[in-house]
Every structure is written in C-alpha cells, then in structure tokens.
Amino acid sequence: MALRESNVRLITQELRAANDRFEVGEITRTDVALAESRLAAARSELAVAQGDLLVARESYKAATGAYPGNLSALPPLPEIPKTLDEAQSVALRSHPILRQAQHEVTVSDLNVARAEAEMRPSLSARALVGVQQGGVESESLTLSLNQTIYAGGKLSALYRRALAGRDASRAALHQTAVTVAQNVGNAWSSLLVSSASIVASDRQIVAAQTAFDGMREEAKVGARTTLDVLNTEQDLLTAQATKLTAEARRYFGVYVLMQALGLLTVGHLGLGIPTYDVSAYYNAVKGAPATSAQGRKLDRVLQAIGGGN
C-alpha cells in the first residue's frame, strides 16, 4: 500500500508538471489527459491495496485475537540444506509420513507371519501337582497338539490377503518416498525462482530508476513526451512491486520447503511453546482413577454448552 501511495504522489506531481507545460504551450491537452488517466488508475490500484491491507488485518486478528500493533521485524529464517540432494536426503530420512509408511510395512510383515502361524499346528503343555487330604500327592502332565484339518480354504485365503497387504504397503512406502522427494524438489525450485527474481528485480529497479530520472529531465526540455515519462514511471513501479512479491514469496517458500522436509514442527523451529507429549501424558494418567475431579468438571462444562450426553 505504501508503494501505491508513493505512486499516486509521483503521478500527481507529473500531472501538475503537465498542466504547467500545457499552460505555456509546450504540450497538448492529450498529454494532460494521459497524466489524468494514469492518476485515476493509480488511485484505483491504491484502493485495491488498501482493501488488501484491511483483509490482511482481519486475517491477523482471526489468527492472533487482536489487530496488529507495533509489529516486530521479520524473524530470521530457519536454516535449510545447502543443496537439493542434501534436502531430499533429509526428507527421506526424517519425514513423518515416511516413518508412518515404514511402520505400516512392519505391521504388514507381522500380519504375514501371523497368517503363516495360523496354518501350523500348536502344541501346549500343562502340569499339575497337588496334595490331597491325608497327604496323598497327585501329579499330572498334559500335552495338547492342535492342527486344523479342514478350513475350506480360509487359512490360505487369509495368508494370500496378508501377502497382498504386505506388497501394497511396500509399494505405498516406495511411492511415498517418491512423492516426498518430488515435493522437496518442487519447493526447492520455487525457492530458487524467488531468489533469482529478487536479484533480477534489484537490477531492474536500478535501471528503471535511471531511465525515469533521465526521462523526466529530457521531458523538461521537450525531448520526451508526458507519455514517455509515465511509461518509465510505470516500469519502475512494476519492478518495485515485483521485488516485494518475490521477497514475500521467498520468505514463504522457505517454510514450504521446511514442510516438505518434514521439519515444520514446533520443536525444530524452536518456538518455545508447550507441545503435546504422548509419553508424558500417558505417564501422567496411567494410574489415574476412571473418573477424576478434573474430568467431572469438564463433563459439567460440556453439559452446560450442550456438548454432553
């Protein structure tokens, strides 16, 4: 919005200069109309930017509970791998979705082993030693061998299903790894594009600023038209806006890359806020009674708001 405000002020100055030159007969009414048209367009773009700012403020309030006040500077970006290969290696080594797929493969292997065990015989032993009244001792040993003789193909079908499930989970693990590597590559490419766009925009801004300054001076002596000045001013504005967009896209792109790496977590980013610890929670409640005082209070709250049964 500040960039659009600056643009409006600049074109307003150009319009005044065009009116002055028109009064002395250096330019025609057409040049003045061009400046007026550009000023109207600049004001329209400013109104859009102001609307975008209001929308952003509401989004900020929805996320934080208050409108932005004296905002701090942007925090430093988290460290990222130096190369694409390194980034993909990190993702394939630590991404949570890959760990989940690996656990599912382990479960499917156990299901196959269980299906195989169901087809084998089972042997159990039982020993009893007792003393009856009168001091009579008794001893017994029992061995039981169980084997399914006929299951109508059920056990073989369950075994084949377990094998198919194992193959599917292994294929899913492979596909998950491919997808994770692809997402990292896409995020890395977007980050490179944003960085290159920032460098190019810096050069474009320098060149556009030089061209604009020169065009204004040439217009003062009648060597350039008002349209030439407005066009170069528009080129400068476009370059500045492009740089702002590229900087925002790069900042956002770093966190997109962190997400693709599986590292967009509270712990890795060091946010310093409480996190849910599964083990700690279990240890805290494993010896608790079935109904605690806190639980009863929560039940009353849920009933008061209509959430209890």
Foldseek 3Di string as FASTA:
>chain_A
DVLLVVLLVVLVVLLVVVVVCVVVPLDDVVLNVVSVVVNVVSVVVVVVVVVVVVVVQVVVCVVPVHGDDPDDPDDDFDDADPDLVVLLVLLCVDAPVLVVLVVQLVVLVVQLVVLVVLQDKDKDKDKDWDADPPRDIDIDIDIDIDHDDDDPCPSVVSNVVSVVSNVVSVVVSVVVSVVLSVQLVVLVVQLVVLVVQLVVLVVQLVVLVVLLVVQVVCVVVSNHGSVSNVVSSVSNSVSVVSNVVSVVSNSVSSLSNCVSSNNNDCVNVVVPDDDDDPVVVCVVPVPPDPADPVNVVVQVVCVVVVNHD
